[in-house]
Amino acid sequence: MENNNLSRHLYFYAIGLSYKKADAEIRGKFSLGNEAKTDVLEQAKNEGVSSLVVISTCNRTEIYGFAQHPFQLIKLLCDNSQGSVEEFQQVAFVYKGKEAIKHIFRVGTGLDSQILGDFEIISQLKSGFVESKSKGLANAFMERLVNSVIQASKKIKNETELSSGATSVSFASVQYIMHNVQDVSNKNILLFGTGKIGRNTCENLVKHTKNEHIVLINRTKEKAEKVAGKFNLVVKDYDVLPLEVPKADVLVVATGAPVPTIDKDMLVLNKPLLILDLSIPKNVHDNVRDLDNVTVVHLDDLSKITDDTLENRKRHIPAAEMIIEEIKDDFISWMNARKFAPTIHALKEKLNSIKETELSFQRKKISNFDEEQAEIISKRLIHKITTHFANHLKDNDTMVDESIEWIEKVFKIENTSK
C-alpha cells in the first residue's frame, strides 16, 4: 500500500477491524494490550500524527484520528501488533469524515456491539481518550466528539431499553453455563483471569448460579484476591493451575495473554470439562478440541445466543438511532462552522486585497472617481460572495473538506486547516 501524493489537508479517519469480518484468530493478531496502545501513541507523536484515540477489546481494535492518508494510522496499528497490512486489507474498514463520525457514534452507543446494547465499549473509549489527552494527542475536535458520543450513550441508556436486561459477553457466558450444565450450583467452577471480563463474569456467576465452589486464579494473585474478597471466593496460586484444572467441571478463561495458556497436555481428565474461552487472542489451544470429554466454547459462539432480552432490545434501535442523529447533527454543525470559518475569513481577506488593488488602479485612471460609492458597492459584493460560499459550506450535503481545498486552490489562499 503506497503512501504517495498525500493531500496537504488532515482528514478524520476511523480505521480498524471487528467481529463483523475478522474472526477471533485475526482479531487476536491485531489486539493491542495496554503497553502496545501506549506505543501506538508514542509512535504517533514521533510521526507527526496530531490527534488520535485507540481502543482494543475482545471484539474490535480501532484507531480514530487525523491523518493526510489512512495508511498513516494503519501503519501505527500494524507496527504495534502481530497483524500485517495484507491481513488488514482483507478484513478491515476505513471510514473518512462523516462516515467515521457515524461509526464512532454507533460503536460507543452499543449499536455496533457483537451483543446488541453491550455498553462496555464506552468505558474503553473514555479511557482511550484520557490517555491520548495526557500525551497531548487529543485536539478540540476529538474532545468534543468523544463527549458527544458519551452524551448519546447516556441518553440512550436513560431514554430507551436498548441496554435492558443483563446481556453482555460475560452474562452470555454464564447464561450458556446455566443452560448446558446440570446442577450448576454444585459444580466446581474455575475462573482463570480477573481482568474486566473476568470480573464481570465472576459477578454474574455468583449472582445467577448461587455456586459456592468457584476458584479464582490470576497471574497476579493480589488482583484475584481483590475480586474474591468482594464475593468471599477461594483464590489459588497461578503455579497450581495444572492441578486445579482437572478438578473443575467448568473452566472460564479470561486472560490477556498473547499466546494460549491452556493446551491438551494440561488436561489430564477423568470427567467432562466445559471450557469457555473469553480471551482475545484465544487462550485455549486448538489442540484441546481433540479431547473427547472436553467442550470448548469461544466468545464468538456466545455472541450468537439470542433470547427474549435481545429481541426486546432490537425494538429500541430506531429510538436509539434518532438520539444518535440528533446529537451527531449538532456535532457536525459545530465541526463545519469551526472548520470553514478560517477559510471564509481568508477568502474575505483575499477579495478585499483584490478590491484594494482594483480601486487603486481605477483611482489613477478615472479623474472624477467616486471612491466612496465604489467602496460601498465593493463591500456589498464581497459580503454577498462570501455569504454564498458560507451557505454552501453549511449545507449538510456539502463535502466540506474538499470544498475548502477547492476554494483555497481557486483563490490561491493559504491552507486554513488546523
Protein backbone atom coordinates (compact mmCIF):
# COMPACT_ATOMS: atom_id res chain seq x y z
CA MET A 1 0.00 0.00 0.00
CA GLU A 2 1.65 3.21 -1.15
CA ASN A 3 1.56 6.47 0.76
CA ASN A 4 2.19 8.83 -2.15
CA ASN A 5 0.54 12.05 -3.28
CA LEU A 6 -0.73 12.98 0.16
CA SER A 7 -3.22 15.79 0.46
CA ARG A 8 -1.94 18.74 2.45
CA HIS A 9 -5.18 18.62 4.44
CA LEU A 10 -5.77 16.48 7.51
CA TYR A 11 -8.89 14.31 7.49
CA PHE A 12 -10.62 12.44 10.30
CA TYR A 13 -10.47 8.66 9.84
CA ALA A 14 -11.70 5.59 11.69
CA ILE A 15 -9.67 2.50 10.80
CA GLY A 16 -9.68 -0.98 12.29
CA LEU A 17 -11.36 -4.35 12.33
CA SER A 18 -14.12 -6.04 14.30
CA TYR A 19 -16.03 -9.27 14.76
CA LYS A 20 -18.09 -8.43 11.66
CA LYS A 21 -15.38 -9.50 9.19
CA ALA A 22 -12.46 -10.71 11.33
CA ASP A 23 -12.59 -13.98 13.25
CA ALA A 24 -11.10 -14.39 16.71
CA GLU A 25 -7.72 -15.52 15.36
CA ILE A 26 -7.27 -12.44 13.17
CA ARG A 27 -8.61 -10.12 15.89
CA GLY A 28 -6.03 -11.64 18.19
CA LYS A 29 -3.23 -10.70 15.80
CA PHE A 30 -4.32 -7.05 15.80
CA SER A 31 -5.15 -6.92 19.52
CA LEU A 32 -3.35 -4.16 21.45
CA GLY A 33 -2.57 -4.53 25.15
CA ASN A 34 -2.02 -1.51 27.39
CA GLU A 35 1.68 -1.32 26.58
CA ALA A 36 1.06 -1.64 22.83
CA LYS A 37 -1.58 1.10 22.95
CA THR A 38 0.91 3.40 24.66
CA ASP A 39 3.47 2.51 21.99
CA VAL A 40 0.94 3.49 19.28
CA LEU A 41 0.52 6.91 20.89
CA GLU A 42 4.27 7.45 21.24
CA GLN A 43 4.89 6.46 17.63
CA ALA A 44 2.03 8.72 16.50
CA LYS A 45 3.69 11.71 18.18
CA ASN A 46 7.02 10.88 16.58
CA GLU A 47 5.43 10.54 13.14
CA GLY A 48 3.55 13.82 13.33
CA VAL A 49 0.02 12.50 13.92
CA SER A 50 -1.64 15.27 15.91
CA SER A 51 -4.69 13.62 17.44
CA LEU A 52 -5.96 10.05 17.81
CA VAL A 53 -7.71 7.61 20.15
CA VAL A 54 -7.04 3.86 20.31
CA ILE A 55 -9.40 1.15 21.55
CA SER A 56 -8.84 -2.61 21.65
CA THR A 57 -11.37 -5.07 23.05
CA CYS A 58 -12.16 -8.74 22.51
CA ASN A 59 -14.44 -7.73 19.62
CA ARG A 60 -12.55 -4.93 17.88
CA THR A 61 -9.35 -2.92 17.54
CA GLU A 62 -9.84 0.57 16.15
CA ILE A 63 -7.98 3.86 15.78
CA TYR A 64 -9.75 7.20 15.38
CA GLY A 65 -7.53 10.04 14.32
CA PHE A 66 -6.37 12.76 11.95
CA ALA A 67 -4.11 11.99 9.01
CA GLN A 68 -3.39 13.07 5.48
CA HIS A 69 -3.90 9.46 4.38
CA PRO A 70 -5.38 6.49 6.29
CA PHE A 71 -2.20 4.47 5.78
CA GLN A 72 -0.56 6.62 8.46
CA LEU A 73 -3.00 5.14 11.01
CA ILE A 74 -2.94 1.64 9.51
CA LYS A 75 0.85 1.65 9.83
CA LEU A 76 0.59 2.55 13.52
CA LEU A 77 -1.68 -0.45 14.10
CA CYS A 78 0.40 -2.94 12.11
CA ASP A 79 3.72 -1.73 13.56
CA ASN A 80 2.49 -2.38 17.11
CA SER A 81 0.57 -5.63 16.65
CA GLN A 82 1.14 -9.05 15.10
CA GLY A 83 -1.06 -8.23 12.11
CA SER A 84 0.18 -7.39 8.63
CA VAL A 85 -1.02 -4.78 6.15
CA GLU A 86 -2.14 -7.58 3.81
CA GLU A 87 -4.28 -9.15 6.55
CA PHE A 88 -5.66 -5.75 7.45
CA GLN A 89 -6.75 -5.12 3.86
CA GLN A 90 -8.68 -8.39 3.79
CA VAL A 91 -10.88 -7.83 6.85
CA ALA A 92 -10.63 -4.20 7.91
CA PHE A 93 -12.57 -0.99 7.35
CA VAL A 94 -11.52 2.58 6.65
CA TYR A 95 -14.06 5.36 7.18
CA LYS A 96 -13.45 9.04 6.45
CA GLY A 97 -15.10 12.26 7.61
CA LYS A 98 -18.81 11.95 8.34
CA GLU A 99 -18.76 8.17 7.85
CA ALA A 100 -16.02 7.91 10.50
CA ILE A 101 -18.06 10.10 12.86
CA LYS A 102 -21.16 7.96 12.29
CA HIS A 103 -19.14 4.81 13.02
CA ILE A 104 -17.74 6.01 16.35
CA PHE A 105 -21.26 7.00 17.47
CA ARG A 106 -22.58 3.50 16.68
CA VAL A 107 -19.65 1.84 18.43
CA GLY A 108 -19.87 3.99 21.55
CA THR A 109 -23.63 3.57 21.95
CA GLY A 110 -23.69 -0.23 21.66
CA LEU A 111 -25.40 -0.40 18.25
CA ASP A 112 -22.28 -1.92 16.70
CA SER A 113 -21.56 -4.31 19.58
CA GLN A 114 -21.34 -8.04 18.97
CA ILE A 115 -24.13 -8.40 21.50
CA LEU A 116 -26.57 -5.56 20.81
CA GLY A 117 -26.64 -2.95 23.55
CA ASP A 118 -23.44 -4.09 25.25
CA PHE A 119 -22.21 -0.74 26.53
CA GLU A 120 -18.88 -1.88 27.99
CA ILE A 121 -17.13 -0.31 24.99
CA ILE A 122 -17.90 3.25 26.15
CA SER A 123 -15.53 2.90 29.11
CA GLN A 124 -12.79 1.83 26.68
CA LEU A 125 -13.46 4.92 24.58
CA LYS A 126 -13.31 7.14 27.66
CA SER A 127 -10.05 5.67 28.94
CA GLY A 128 -8.54 5.74 25.44
CA PHE A 129 -9.33 9.43 25.16
CA VAL A 130 -7.95 10.19 28.64
CA GLU A 131 -4.63 8.53 27.77
CA SER A 132 -4.45 10.35 24.42
CA LYS A 133 -5.16 13.68 26.11
CA SER A 134 -2.48 13.04 28.73
CA LYS A 135 0.04 12.73 25.90
CA GLY A 136 -1.16 15.83 24.07
CA LEU A 137 -2.84 13.81 21.32
CA ALA A 138 -6.44 14.94 21.71
CA ASN A 139 -7.46 18.15 19.98
CA ALA A 140 -10.69 20.12 20.48
CA PHE A 141 -12.43 18.16 17.72
CA MET A 142 -11.63 14.81 19.37
CA GLU A 143 -12.66 16.02 22.82
CA ARG A 144 -15.99 17.34 21.57
CA LEU A 145 -16.60 14.18 19.53
CA VAL A 146 -15.90 11.77 22.39
CA ASN A 147 -18.03 13.85 24.77
CA SER A 148 -20.86 13.84 22.21
CA VAL A 149 -20.67 10.03 21.94
CA ILE A 150 -20.72 9.75 25.74
CA GLN A 151 -23.74 12.07 25.83
CA ALA A 152 -25.55 9.92 23.24
CA SER A 153 -24.70 6.74 25.17
CA LYS A 154 -26.10 8.14 28.41
CA LYS A 155 -29.25 9.41 26.74
CA ILE A 156 -29.90 6.06 25.06
CA LYS A 157 -29.45 4.27 28.38
CA ASN A 158 -31.82 6.65 30.15
CA GLU A 159 -34.49 7.02 27.47
CA THR A 160 -34.59 3.62 25.73
CA GLU A 161 -34.41 -0.04 26.68
CA LEU A 162 -31.53 -0.83 24.33
CA SER A 163 -29.48 -1.92 27.34
CA SER A 164 -32.37 -3.59 29.20
CA GLY A 165 -31.63 -6.93 30.81
CA ALA A 166 -28.19 -8.25 31.63
CA THR A 167 -26.84 -9.21 28.25
CA SER A 168 -23.12 -8.89 27.62
CA VAL A 169 -20.26 -11.24 26.81
CA SER A 170 -19.84 -12.01 30.50
CA PHE A 171 -23.54 -12.60 31.05
CA ALA A 172 -23.85 -14.64 27.86
CA SER A 173 -21.12 -16.96 29.16
CA VAL A 174 -22.98 -17.50 32.43
CA GLN A 175 -26.23 -17.98 30.52
CA TYR A 176 -24.54 -20.66 28.43
CA ILE A 177 -23.24 -22.42 31.56
CA MET A 178 -26.69 -22.39 33.17
CA HIS A 179 -28.34 -23.78 30.04
CA ASN A 180 -25.77 -26.52 29.44
CA VAL A 181 -24.55 -27.63 32.86
CA GLN A 182 -26.93 -29.56 35.09
CA ASP A 183 -26.94 -28.87 38.82
CA VAL A 184 -24.62 -25.94 38.19
CA SER A 185 -24.76 -24.65 41.77
CA ASN A 186 -22.90 -27.78 42.92
CA LYS A 187 -20.28 -27.90 40.16
CA ASN A 188 -16.65 -26.88 40.53
CA ILE A 189 -16.06 -23.69 38.54
CA LEU A 190 -12.56 -22.37 37.90
CA LEU A 191 -12.13 -18.81 36.64
CA PHE A 192 -8.69 -18.10 35.18
CA GLY A 193 -8.09 -14.37 34.64
CA THR A 194 -9.59 -11.47 36.58
CA GLY A 195 -9.46 -8.59 34.09
CA LYS A 196 -12.63 -6.68 33.26
CA ILE A 197 -14.42 -9.57 31.52
CA GLY A 198 -13.20 -11.96 34.21
CA ARG A 199 -14.52 -9.72 36.99
CA ASN A 200 -17.88 -9.26 35.28
CA THR A 201 -18.16 -12.99 34.61
CA CYS A 202 -17.33 -13.73 38.22
CA GLU A 203 -20.03 -11.35 39.43
CA ASN A 204 -22.61 -12.92 37.12
CA LEU A 205 -21.57 -16.44 38.16
CA VAL A 206 -22.08 -15.65 41.83
CA LYS A 207 -25.33 -13.82 41.22
CA HIS A 208 -27.03 -16.31 38.89
CA THR A 209 -25.63 -19.76 39.72
CA LYS A 210 -25.62 -19.45 43.54
CA ASN A 211 -22.41 -21.50 43.36
CA GLU A 212 -20.09 -21.59 46.35
CA HIS A 213 -17.40 -23.69 44.65
CA ILE A 214 -15.80 -21.00 42.47
CA VAL A 215 -12.00 -20.80 42.47
CA LEU A 216 -10.11 -17.80 41.07
CA ILE A 217 -6.60 -17.89 39.61
CA ASN A 218 -4.71 -14.95 38.16
CA ARG A 219 -1.07 -14.41 37.25
CA THR A 220 -1.06 -11.56 39.77
CA LYS A 221 -2.60 -13.11 42.87
CA GLU A 222 -3.36 -9.75 44.50
CA LYS A 223 -5.79 -8.88 41.70
CA ALA A 224 -7.62 -12.17 42.14
CA GLU A 225 -7.80 -11.66 45.91
CA LYS A 226 -9.33 -8.24 45.39
CA VAL A 227 -12.12 -9.75 43.26
CA ALA A 228 -12.53 -12.78 45.54
CA GLY A 229 -12.84 -10.66 48.65
CA LYS A 230 -15.92 -8.99 47.26
CA PHE A 231 -17.67 -12.35 46.85
CA ASN A 232 -15.91 -14.43 49.54
CA LEU A 233 -14.40 -16.83 46.98
CA VAL A 234 -11.29 -19.04 47.02
CA VAL A 235 -8.05 -17.86 45.38
CA LYS A 236 -5.25 -20.22 44.34
CA ASP A 237 -1.70 -19.51 43.16
CA TYR A 238 -1.01 -19.37 39.42
CA ASP A 239 1.54 -22.18 39.86
CA VAL A 240 -1.16 -24.69 40.78
CA LEU A 241 -3.27 -24.06 37.67
CA PRO A 242 -2.41 -27.50 36.18
CA LEU A 243 -3.58 -29.13 39.42
CA GLU A 244 -6.82 -27.15 39.65
CA VAL A 245 -7.99 -27.63 36.05
CA PRO A 246 -8.65 -31.42 36.41
CA LYS A 247 -10.84 -30.71 39.47
CA ALA A 248 -13.08 -28.33 37.55
CA ASP A 249 -16.36 -29.07 35.81
CA VAL A 250 -16.35 -25.64 34.18
CA LEU A 251 -13.26 -23.62 33.25
CA VAL A 252 -13.67 -19.97 32.27
CA VAL A 253 -10.54 -18.49 30.66
CA ALA A 254 -10.46 -14.69 30.52
CA THR A 255 -6.80 -13.73 30.43
CA GLY A 256 -4.94 -11.18 28.34
CA ALA A 257 -2.05 -13.49 27.48
CA PRO A 258 -0.71 -13.12 23.92
CA VAL A 259 -0.42 -16.91 23.42
CA PRO A 260 -2.57 -19.89 24.53
CA THR A 261 -2.23 -20.75 28.22
CA ILE A 262 -4.40 -23.88 28.18
CA ASP A 263 -3.50 -26.85 25.98
CA LYS A 264 -4.38 -30.55 25.90
CA ASP A 265 -1.22 -31.60 27.80
CA MET A 266 -2.62 -29.77 30.82
CA LEU A 267 -5.96 -31.55 30.60
CA VAL A 268 -5.44 -34.97 32.17
CA LEU A 269 -9.12 -35.55 32.93
CA ASN A 270 -11.35 -38.29 34.22
CA LYS A 271 -14.62 -36.38 33.77
CA PRO A 272 -16.21 -33.99 31.25
CA LEU A 273 -14.98 -30.39 31.20
CA LEU A 274 -16.67 -27.35 29.69
CA ILE A 275 -14.23 -24.58 28.74
CA LEU A 276 -15.35 -21.06 27.89
CA ASP A 277 -12.60 -19.01 26.28
CA LEU A 278 -13.44 -15.31 26.63
CA SER A 279 -9.96 -14.15 25.61
CA ILE A 280 -8.65 -12.27 22.58
CA PRO A 281 -6.35 -13.62 21.30
CA LYS A 282 -7.59 -17.13 22.07
CA ASN A 283 -6.05 -18.55 25.24
CA VAL A 284 -7.20 -22.13 24.74
CA HIS A 285 -5.11 -24.01 22.19
CA ASP A 286 -6.97 -25.59 19.26
CA ASN A 287 -5.50 -29.00 20.15
CA VAL A 288 -7.82 -29.11 23.16
CA ARG A 289 -10.69 -29.85 20.75
CA ASP A 290 -9.06 -33.24 20.08
CA LEU A 291 -10.10 -34.44 23.52
CA ASP A 292 -13.40 -36.33 23.59
CA ASN A 293 -14.57 -35.25 27.03
CA VAL A 294 -13.82 -31.53 26.56
CA THR A 295 -16.20 -28.93 25.11
CA VAL A 296 -14.70 -25.58 24.11
CA VAL A 297 -16.87 -22.53 23.54
CA HIS A 298 -15.36 -19.27 22.36
CA LEU A 299 -16.86 -15.81 22.83
CA ASP A 300 -17.74 -15.69 19.10
CA ASP A 301 -20.01 -18.68 19.75
CA LEU A 302 -21.56 -16.99 22.77
CA SER A 303 -22.46 -13.90 20.77
CA LYS A 304 -24.79 -15.99 18.61
CA ILE A 305 -27.02 -16.72 21.58
CA THR A 306 -30.31 -14.88 21.12
CA ASP A 307 -33.03 -14.68 23.70
CA ASP A 308 -36.03 -12.59 24.65
CA THR A 309 -33.77 -9.87 26.07
CA LEU A 310 -32.02 -9.32 22.75
CA GLU A 311 -35.28 -9.45 20.82
CA ASN A 312 -36.68 -6.76 23.10
CA ARG A 313 -33.59 -4.63 22.57
CA LYS A 314 -33.98 -4.71 18.80
CA ARG A 315 -37.31 -2.90 19.10
CA HIS A 316 -35.49 0.09 20.58
CA ILE A 317 -32.93 0.51 17.78
CA PRO A 318 -34.99 3.21 15.95
CA ALA A 319 -35.30 5.30 19.11
CA ALA A 320 -31.56 4.95 19.76
CA GLU A 321 -30.76 5.94 16.18
CA MET A 322 -32.90 9.08 16.49
CA ILE A 323 -30.95 10.12 19.58
CA ILE A 324 -27.67 9.49 17.78
CA GLU A 325 -28.77 11.52 14.75
CA GLU A 326 -29.78 14.49 16.90
CA ILE A 327 -26.50 14.65 18.83
CA LYS A 328 -24.40 13.77 15.77
CA ASP A 329 -26.01 16.56 13.72
CA ASP A 330 -25.24 19.05 16.49
CA PHE A 331 -21.64 17.91 16.48
CA ILE A 332 -21.31 18.12 12.69
CA SER A 333 -22.81 21.62 12.66
CA TRP A 334 -20.25 22.70 15.27
CA MET A 335 -17.47 20.95 13.34
CA ASN A 336 -18.33 22.51 10.00
CA ALA A 337 -18.67 26.03 11.42
CA ARG A 338 -15.33 25.67 13.18
CA LYS A 339 -13.72 24.18 10.11
CA PHE A 340 -14.82 26.62 7.43
CA ALA A 341 -14.74 29.88 9.45
CA PRO A 342 -10.97 30.38 8.82
CA THR A 343 -11.50 29.70 5.10
CA ILE A 344 -14.31 32.27 4.80
CA HIS A 345 -12.17 34.77 6.72
CA ALA A 346 -9.19 34.12 4.40
CA LEU A 347 -11.45 34.37 1.35
CA LYS A 348 -12.79 37.73 2.56
CA GLU A 349 -9.23 39.00 3.07
CA LYS A 350 -8.27 37.82 -0.42
CA LEU A 351 -11.27 39.56 -2.00
CA ASN A 352 -10.51 42.73 -0.03
CA SER A 353 -6.95 42.61 -1.34
CA ILE A 354 -8.25 42.29 -4.89
CA LYS A 355 -10.65 45.16 -4.20
CA GLU A 356 -7.88 47.45 -2.91
CA THR A 357 -5.73 46.72 -5.96
CA GLU A 358 -8.60 47.42 -8.35
CA LEU A 359 -9.71 50.63 -6.56
CA SER A 360 -6.13 51.90 -6.60
CA PHE A 361 -5.97 51.24 -10.34
CA GLN A 362 -9.31 52.97 -11.02
CA ARG A 363 -8.37 55.91 -8.78
CA LYS A 364 -5.39 56.66 -11.01
CA LYS A 365 -7.27 56.03 -14.25
CA ILE A 366 -10.50 57.97 -13.61
CA SER A 367 -10.20 61.66 -12.78
CA ASN A 368 -13.56 62.05 -11.01
CA PHE A 369 -13.55 58.56 -9.47
CA ASP A 370 -16.25 58.22 -6.75
CA GLU A 371 -14.23 56.28 -4.21
CA GLU A 372 -16.93 56.27 -1.52
CA GLN A 373 -19.53 54.76 -3.83
CA ALA A 374 -17.04 52.21 -5.18
CA GLU A 375 -16.17 51.18 -1.62
CA ILE A 376 -19.84 50.62 -0.71
CA ILE A 377 -20.52 48.55 -3.84
CA SER A 378 -17.34 46.51 -3.42
CA LYS A 379 -18.08 45.69 0.23
CA ARG A 380 -21.61 44.57 -0.65
CA LEU A 381 -20.31 42.34 -3.44
CA ILE A 382 -17.68 40.78 -1.16
CA HIS A 383 -20.30 40.19 1.51
CA LYS A 384 -22.67 38.50 -0.96
CA ILE A 385 -19.90 36.33 -2.43
CA THR A 386 -18.61 35.14 0.96
CA THR A 387 -22.18 34.53 2.17
CA HIS A 388 -22.81 32.29 -0.86
CA PHE A 389 -19.69 30.28 -0.05
CA ALA A 390 -20.60 30.08 3.66
CA ASN A 391 -24.10 28.82 2.86
CA HIS A 392 -22.61 26.21 0.53
CA LEU A 393 -20.26 25.00 3.26
CA LYS A 394 -23.11 24.88 5.81
CA ASP A 395 -25.20 22.60 3.61
CA ASN A 396 -25.46 19.06 5.01
CA ASP A 397 -24.78 17.57 1.57
CA THR A 398 -21.55 19.53 1.08
CA MET A 399 -18.21 17.70 1.25
CA VAL A 400 -16.66 20.38 3.43
CA ASP A 401 -13.01 19.27 3.32
CA GLU A 402 -12.99 19.00 -0.46
CA SER A 403 -14.84 22.33 -0.86
CA ILE A 404 -12.39 24.13 1.41
CA GLU A 405 -9.48 22.71 -0.56
CA TRP A 406 -11.13 23.84 -3.82
CA ILE A 407 -11.71 27.39 -2.52
CA GLU A 408 -8.11 27.65 -1.36
CA LYS A 409 -6.85 26.45 -4.72
CA VAL A 410 -9.06 28.71 -6.86
CA PHE A 411 -8.39 31.87 -4.85
CA LYS A 412 -4.77 30.96 -4.07
CA ILE A 413 -5.14 31.37 -0.32
CA GLU A 414 -3.02 29.56 2.28
CA ASN A 415 -4.07 26.26 3.80
CA THR A 416 -6.52 27.25 6.57
CA SER A 417 -6.96 23.76 8.09
CA LYS A 418 -5.73 23.29 11.61
